[in-house]
N, C-alpha and C. Protein backbone atom coordinates (compact mmCIF):
# COMPACT_ATOMS: atom_id res chain seq x y z
N MET A 1 -238.60 13.41 180.89
CA MET A 1 -239.04 12.37 181.87
C MET A 1 -240.08 11.44 181.43
N PRO A 2 -239.80 10.09 181.67
CA PRO A 2 -240.83 9.17 181.25
C PRO A 2 -242.14 9.30 181.89
N GLU A 3 -243.21 9.00 181.29
CA GLU A 3 -244.60 8.94 181.88
C GLU A 3 -245.02 7.66 182.18
N LEU A 4 -245.96 7.52 182.92
CA LEU A 4 -246.53 6.30 183.57
C LEU A 4 -248.07 6.36 183.29
N VAL A 5 -248.58 5.33 182.62
CA VAL A 5 -250.01 5.39 182.41
C VAL A 5 -250.61 4.35 183.34
N ILE A 6 -251.60 4.77 184.09
CA ILE A 6 -252.33 3.88 185.10
C ILE A 6 -253.71 3.78 184.60
N GLU A 7 -254.23 2.63 184.34
CA GLU A 7 -255.63 2.46 183.84
C GLU A 7 -256.55 1.62 184.78
N GLY A 8 -257.83 1.65 184.54
CA GLY A 8 -258.63 0.82 185.05
C GLY A 8 -259.00 1.09 186.50
N HIS A 9 -259.19 0.16 187.16
CA HIS A 9 -259.63 0.13 188.62
C HIS A 9 -258.81 1.03 189.52
N LEU A 10 -257.42 0.69 189.30
CA LEU A 10 -256.42 1.43 190.05
C LEU A 10 -256.46 2.80 189.83
N ALA A 11 -256.52 3.19 188.52
CA ALA A 11 -256.72 4.76 188.27
C ALA A 11 -257.96 5.29 188.82
N GLU A 12 -259.04 4.54 188.84
CA GLU A 12 -260.18 5.19 189.54
C GLU A 12 -259.99 5.20 191.04
N ARG A 13 -259.31 4.32 191.59
CA ARG A 13 -259.06 4.48 193.09
C ARG A 13 -258.21 5.68 193.34
N LEU A 14 -257.31 5.92 192.61
CA LEU A 14 -256.35 7.00 192.77
C LEU A 14 -257.11 8.35 192.72
N GLN A 15 -257.91 8.42 191.51
CA GLN A 15 -258.70 9.62 191.25
C GLN A 15 -259.71 9.88 192.53
N ASP A 16 -260.40 8.84 192.96
CA ASP A 16 -261.24 8.99 194.09
C ASP A 16 -260.50 9.40 195.33
N LEU A 17 -259.37 8.99 195.61
CA LEU A 17 -258.64 9.45 196.73
C LEU A 17 -258.13 10.86 196.64
N ALA A 18 -257.76 11.17 195.42
CA ALA A 18 -257.33 12.64 195.15
C ALA A 18 -258.42 13.42 195.23
N ARG A 19 -259.57 13.16 194.79
CA ARG A 19 -260.76 14.01 194.81
C ARG A 19 -261.23 14.18 196.39
N ARG A 20 -261.19 13.07 197.12
CA ARG A 20 -261.47 13.15 198.59
C ARG A 20 -260.65 14.15 199.22
N GLU A 21 -259.30 14.04 198.92
CA GLU A 21 -258.33 14.74 199.69
C GLU A 21 -257.96 16.22 199.11
N ASN A 22 -258.76 16.31 197.91
CA ASN A 22 -258.64 17.58 197.20
C ASN A 22 -257.18 17.98 196.98
N ARG A 23 -256.42 16.96 196.39
CA ARG A 23 -255.07 17.09 195.95
C ARG A 23 -254.85 16.34 194.55
N PRO A 24 -253.90 16.71 193.87
CA PRO A 24 -253.59 16.12 192.56
C PRO A 24 -253.21 14.65 192.66
N VAL A 25 -253.46 13.87 191.70
CA VAL A 25 -253.21 12.45 191.67
C VAL A 25 -251.65 12.28 191.96
N ASP A 26 -250.79 13.13 191.25
CA ASP A 26 -249.31 13.06 191.31
C ASP A 26 -248.94 13.22 192.77
N GLU A 27 -249.63 14.02 193.52
CA GLU A 27 -249.24 14.20 194.92
C GLU A 27 -249.64 13.10 195.75
N ILE A 28 -250.69 12.55 195.39
CA ILE A 28 -251.22 11.24 196.14
C ILE A 28 -250.21 10.06 195.97
N VAL A 29 -249.84 9.97 194.69
CA VAL A 29 -248.88 8.86 194.31
C VAL A 29 -247.55 9.22 195.05
N ALA A 30 -247.03 10.40 195.10
CA ALA A 30 -245.80 10.69 195.77
C ALA A 30 -245.90 10.44 197.16
N SER A 31 -247.14 10.78 197.84
CA SER A 31 -247.29 10.39 199.22
C SER A 31 -247.11 9.06 199.56
N LEU A 32 -247.90 8.18 198.61
CA LEU A 32 -247.83 6.74 198.98
C LEU A 32 -246.46 6.15 198.72
N LEU A 33 -245.71 6.69 197.83
CA LEU A 33 -244.40 6.12 197.57
C LEU A 33 -243.44 6.55 198.74
N ASP A 34 -243.59 7.78 199.32
CA ASP A 34 -242.83 8.16 200.49
C ASP A 34 -243.29 7.17 201.66
N LEU A 35 -244.46 7.01 201.84
CA LEU A 35 -244.90 6.11 202.93
C LEU A 35 -244.23 4.74 202.80
N TYR A 36 -244.32 4.19 201.53
CA TYR A 36 -243.83 2.81 201.14
C TYR A 36 -242.24 2.87 201.69
N ALA A 37 -241.51 3.87 201.18
CA ALA A 37 -240.11 3.90 201.45
C ALA A 37 -239.86 3.98 202.95
N TYR A 38 -240.53 4.82 203.54
CA TYR A 38 -240.37 4.96 205.02
C TYR A 38 -240.67 3.61 205.68
N GLN A 39 -241.72 2.90 205.40
CA GLN A 39 -242.04 1.64 205.97
C GLN A 39 -240.87 0.58 205.66
N SER A 40 -240.51 0.60 204.46
CA SER A 40 -239.44 -0.37 204.02
C SER A 40 -238.14 -0.07 204.75
N ASP A 41 -237.70 1.21 204.89
CA ASP A 41 -236.59 1.59 205.67
C ASP A 41 -236.67 1.19 207.06
N SER A 42 -237.81 1.44 207.69
CA SER A 42 -238.04 1.05 209.03
C SER A 42 -238.00 -0.44 209.41
N LEU A 43 -238.54 -1.26 208.41
CA LEU A 43 -238.46 -2.61 208.72
C LEU A 43 -237.03 -3.09 208.43
N ALA A 44 -236.32 -2.57 207.44
CA ALA A 44 -234.86 -2.86 207.25
C ALA A 44 -234.14 -2.57 208.51
N ALA A 45 -234.40 -1.43 209.14
CA ALA A 45 -233.58 -1.13 210.36
C ALA A 45 -233.94 -1.98 211.52
N MET A 46 -234.99 -2.67 211.48
CA MET A 46 -235.35 -3.56 212.54
C MET A 46 -234.73 -5.09 212.34
N ASP A 47 -234.06 -5.29 211.05
CA ASP A 47 -233.60 -6.56 210.66
C ASP A 47 -232.58 -6.91 211.82
N GLY A 48 -232.64 -8.12 212.27
CA GLY A 48 -231.63 -8.56 213.28
C GLY A 48 -231.80 -8.22 214.69
N MET A 49 -232.89 -7.34 214.92
CA MET A 49 -233.25 -6.89 216.19
C MET A 49 -233.60 -8.10 217.21
N PHE A 50 -234.17 -9.06 216.66
CA PHE A 50 -234.64 -10.20 217.46
C PHE A 50 -233.87 -11.43 217.16
N ASP A 51 -233.62 -12.36 218.06
CA ASP A 51 -233.01 -13.53 217.81
C ASP A 51 -233.74 -14.55 217.03
N ASP A 52 -235.09 -14.42 217.20
CA ASP A 52 -235.96 -15.38 216.43
C ASP A 52 -235.96 -15.12 215.06
N ASN A 53 -236.11 -16.16 214.29
CA ASN A 53 -236.14 -16.05 212.73
C ASN A 53 -237.68 -16.08 212.43
N VAL A 54 -238.31 -14.92 212.67
CA VAL A 54 -239.74 -14.82 212.28
C VAL A 54 -239.82 -14.05 211.06
N GLY A 55 -240.44 -14.82 209.97
CA GLY A 55 -240.65 -14.26 208.75
C GLY A 55 -241.92 -13.47 208.68
N ASP A 56 -242.93 -13.71 209.43
CA ASP A 56 -244.13 -13.00 209.46
C ASP A 56 -244.69 -12.83 210.78
N LEU A 57 -244.51 -11.65 211.40
CA LEU A 57 -244.98 -11.49 212.77
C LEU A 57 -246.49 -11.71 212.94
N SER A 58 -247.21 -11.36 211.86
CA SER A 58 -248.68 -11.41 212.03
C SER A 58 -249.07 -12.94 212.30
N THR A 59 -248.40 -13.84 211.60
CA THR A 59 -248.57 -15.21 211.81
C THR A 59 -248.34 -15.56 213.21
N THR A 60 -247.06 -15.19 213.72
CA THR A 60 -246.74 -15.52 215.09
C THR A 60 -247.74 -14.96 216.05
N VAL A 61 -248.19 -13.74 215.89
CA VAL A 61 -249.32 -13.24 216.87
C VAL A 61 -250.54 -13.99 216.69
N ARG A 62 -250.96 -14.30 215.58
CA ARG A 62 -252.17 -15.14 215.29
C ARG A 62 -252.08 -16.44 216.03
N GLU A 63 -250.95 -17.17 215.88
CA GLU A 63 -250.67 -18.32 216.53
C GLU A 63 -250.67 -18.19 218.03
N THR A 64 -250.12 -17.28 218.63
CA THR A 64 -250.06 -16.94 220.00
C THR A 64 -251.43 -16.68 220.55
N MET A 65 -252.15 -15.82 219.85
CA MET A 65 -253.61 -15.50 220.29
C MET A 65 -254.52 -16.83 220.28
N THR A 66 -254.20 -17.62 219.28
CA THR A 66 -255.06 -18.84 219.08
C THR A 66 -254.81 -19.78 220.26
N ALA A 67 -253.59 -19.99 220.58
CA ALA A 67 -253.08 -20.80 221.64
C ALA A 67 -253.71 -20.20 223.07
N PHE A 68 -253.71 -19.01 223.12
CA PHE A 68 -254.20 -18.31 224.40
C PHE A 68 -255.63 -18.54 224.65
N TYR A 69 -256.46 -18.40 223.43
CA TYR A 69 -257.86 -18.65 223.57
C TYR A 69 -258.23 -20.14 223.76
N LYS A 70 -257.37 -20.89 223.17
CA LYS A 70 -257.73 -22.34 223.32
C LYS A 70 -257.45 -22.77 224.86
N ARG A 71 -256.38 -22.17 225.39
CA ARG A 71 -256.07 -22.41 226.84
C ARG A 71 -257.19 -21.80 227.73
N GLU A 72 -257.42 -20.51 227.44
CA GLU A 72 -258.38 -19.80 228.27
C GLU A 72 -259.79 -20.14 228.23
N TYR A 73 -260.30 -20.53 227.06
CA TYR A 73 -261.75 -20.81 226.93
C TYR A 73 -262.01 -22.31 226.47
N GLY A 74 -260.91 -23.13 226.42
CA GLY A 74 -261.07 -24.55 226.03
C GLY A 74 -261.60 -24.76 224.60
N LEU A 75 -261.21 -23.81 223.84
CA LEU A 75 -261.50 -23.91 222.41
C LEU A 75 -260.70 -24.95 221.65
N SER A 76 -261.26 -25.56 220.77
CA SER A 76 -260.49 -26.53 219.93
C SER A 76 -260.46 -25.99 218.49
N GLY A 77 -259.56 -26.57 217.70
CA GLY A 77 -259.43 -26.36 216.20
C GLY A 77 -258.33 -25.69 215.88
């Protein structure tokens, strides 16, 4: 099986996380990959759920909240 070498700041972050959780680094990486795969699958399942062509929901929410505060509090900008 091929091995992967992770160096520098990323390696330090993984080691710190593994130490805090008292788990091996391999287990931390496996958990992160599982979480990534789950989130990707969840987002893919939602594809086409809405009629709007929204590329980035956080942008839409930010725009909506900005418009709300401008209306509610007379803010400009």
